[in-house]
Structure formats: C-alpha cells, structure tokens
Protein backbone atom coordinates (compact mmCIF):
# COMPACT_ATOMS: atom_id res chain seq x y z
CA UNK A 1 207.14 331.99 126.81
CA UNK A 2 207.53 328.91 124.95
CA UNK A 3 206.10 325.51 125.63
CA UNK A 4 207.36 322.35 124.25
CA UNK A 5 204.91 319.58 123.71
CA UNK A 6 206.20 316.18 123.24
CA UNK A 7 204.07 313.58 121.39
CA UNK A 8 202.97 310.64 123.34
CA UNK A 9 204.82 307.60 121.94
CA UNK A 10 202.84 304.49 121.50
CA UNK A 11 204.39 301.16 122.25
CA UNK A 12 205.46 299.63 118.81
CA UNK A 13 204.17 296.01 118.48
CA UNK A 14 206.06 293.80 116.09
CA UNK A 15 203.99 291.25 113.89
CA UNK A 16 205.46 288.58 115.85
CA UNK A 17 204.23 290.02 119.13
CA UNK A 18 200.78 290.55 117.41
CA UNK A 19 200.81 286.95 116.40
CA UNK A 20 201.76 285.46 119.84
CA UNK A 21 198.98 287.63 121.45
CA UNK A 22 196.67 286.31 119.15
CA UNK A 23 197.59 282.49 119.67
CA UNK A 24 197.30 283.19 123.28
CA UNK A 25 193.82 283.93 123.10
CA UNK A 26 192.19 282.12 120.30
CA UNK A 27 192.20 281.41 116.52
CA UNK A 28 190.16 279.70 113.68
CA UNK A 29 191.27 276.12 113.27
CA UNK A 30 189.25 275.80 110.07
CA UNK A 31 186.09 275.17 108.12
CA UNK A 32 184.90 271.65 107.77
CA UNK A 33 183.32 270.21 104.67
CA UNK A 34 179.93 270.85 105.97
CA UNK A 35 180.56 274.46 106.39
CA UNK A 36 180.95 274.72 110.07
CA UNK A 37 183.71 276.86 111.63
CA UNK A 38 185.93 275.42 114.32
CA UNK A 39 187.36 278.01 116.60
CA UNK A 40 189.90 277.27 119.31
CA UNK A 41 189.42 279.41 122.50
CA UNK A 42 192.54 279.07 124.58
CA UNK A 43 191.57 280.44 127.84
CA UNK A 44 188.78 277.66 128.14
CA UNK A 45 191.05 274.98 126.22
CA UNK A 46 188.23 274.31 124.14
CA UNK A 47 186.83 274.29 120.58
CA UNK A 48 183.57 276.03 119.50
CA UNK A 49 181.90 275.01 116.43
CA UNK A 50 179.65 277.49 114.60
CA UNK A 51 177.22 277.33 111.86
CA UNK A 52 177.03 280.91 110.73
CA UNK A 53 176.40 282.72 113.96
CA UNK A 54 174.64 279.69 115.67
CA UNK A 55 176.59 277.72 118.11
CA UNK A 56 176.68 274.06 117.09
CA UNK A 57 178.99 272.27 119.41
CA UNK A 58 181.36 273.09 122.35
CA UNK A 59 184.16 270.68 123.17
CA UNK A 60 186.25 271.10 126.16
CA UNK A 61 189.72 269.57 125.45
CA UNK A 62 190.75 269.40 128.97
CA UNK A 63 194.40 269.25 128.29
CA UNK A 64 194.31 267.14 125.21
CA UNK A 65 196.12 268.27 122.20
CA UNK A 66 194.21 270.22 119.63
CA UNK A 67 195.61 268.16 116.97
CA UNK A 68 193.29 265.17 118.37
CA UNK A 69 190.25 267.47 117.48
CA UNK A 70 191.70 268.06 114.04
CA UNK A 71 192.19 264.35 113.36
CA UNK A 72 188.59 263.62 114.75
CA UNK A 73 186.99 266.31 112.29
CA UNK A 74 189.21 264.99 109.42
CA UNK A 75 187.75 261.46 109.99
CA UNK A 76 184.14 262.44 110.58
CA UNK A 77 183.62 265.43 108.26
CA UNK A 78 186.78 266.35 106.54
CA UNK A 79 188.25 269.99 106.21
CA UNK A 80 187.34 272.28 103.68
CA UNK A 81 190.04 274.89 104.47
CA UNK A 82 192.41 275.57 107.52
CA UNK A 83 192.47 278.94 109.25
CA UNK A 84 195.48 281.38 108.56
CA UNK A 85 196.99 280.79 112.12
CA UNK A 86 195.88 276.94 112.28
CA UNK A 87 199.17 275.33 111.55
CA UNK A 88 201.10 277.63 114.00
CA UNK A 89 198.50 277.32 116.54
CA UNK A 90 198.55 273.67 116.48
CA UNK A 91 202.32 273.63 116.92
CA UNK A 92 202.07 276.10 119.77
CA UNK A 93 199.33 274.03 121.62
CA UNK A 94 201.12 270.70 121.22
CA UNK A 95 204.53 272.41 122.60
CA UNK A 96 202.39 273.92 125.36
CA UNK A 97 200.60 270.67 126.48
CA UNK A 98 203.59 268.31 125.79
CA UNK A 99 206.15 270.45 127.84
CA UNK A 100 206.79 268.93 131.37
CA UNK A 101 205.83 271.24 133.98
CA UNK A 102 208.08 271.65 137.04
C-alpha cells in the first residue's frame, strides 16, 4: 500500500507585501545628531525616541503628519541618518492622513 504525502505549501510573500506589512506597524524614522533613535509606531500614531535602550521621549502625533516631527527634529537637533524605510514611510503616512475619509 502506497501513501502519498504532499508537502505543506507556505504562502509566498513578496518583498512589496513585506514592506507594506512593516510600514503598517512601525519603522525607524532616523537617528538625530545627538544619537537618539526616532521610531514611528503606527498603531499608536506616535514617535518613540530612544537613547540606546532607554526611553527618552514619547510623542503622540494625534493625526498630525509624521513629516512635522521630522521637521521639528531637523530644527532642534538635526538628523545624522534616516532609517531605510523613512522616506517611503513618510509618504505613506502623509497619504493616509491627508486622504479624505468618507
């Protein structure tokens, strides 16, 4: 008696799907000139600022565009580097917050 086993197929996730899923949750906006990491957490619509592993600041955006936080840090401290997904994340955030809701 022969038994045929079929391999379980895993869902193939494209790079674009992975990117969208990542941006739907959170991403690193960047590191300022004082070495603090600014991380955007979308479910809370907030920026969390870390000094290493220590929480330095939590800023609820309350619907304000993330680009306003980016501009604020640019004026106060400056940016040393931007996160890999920052430019795309800023664009997605702007589109999401500026799109009229029905």
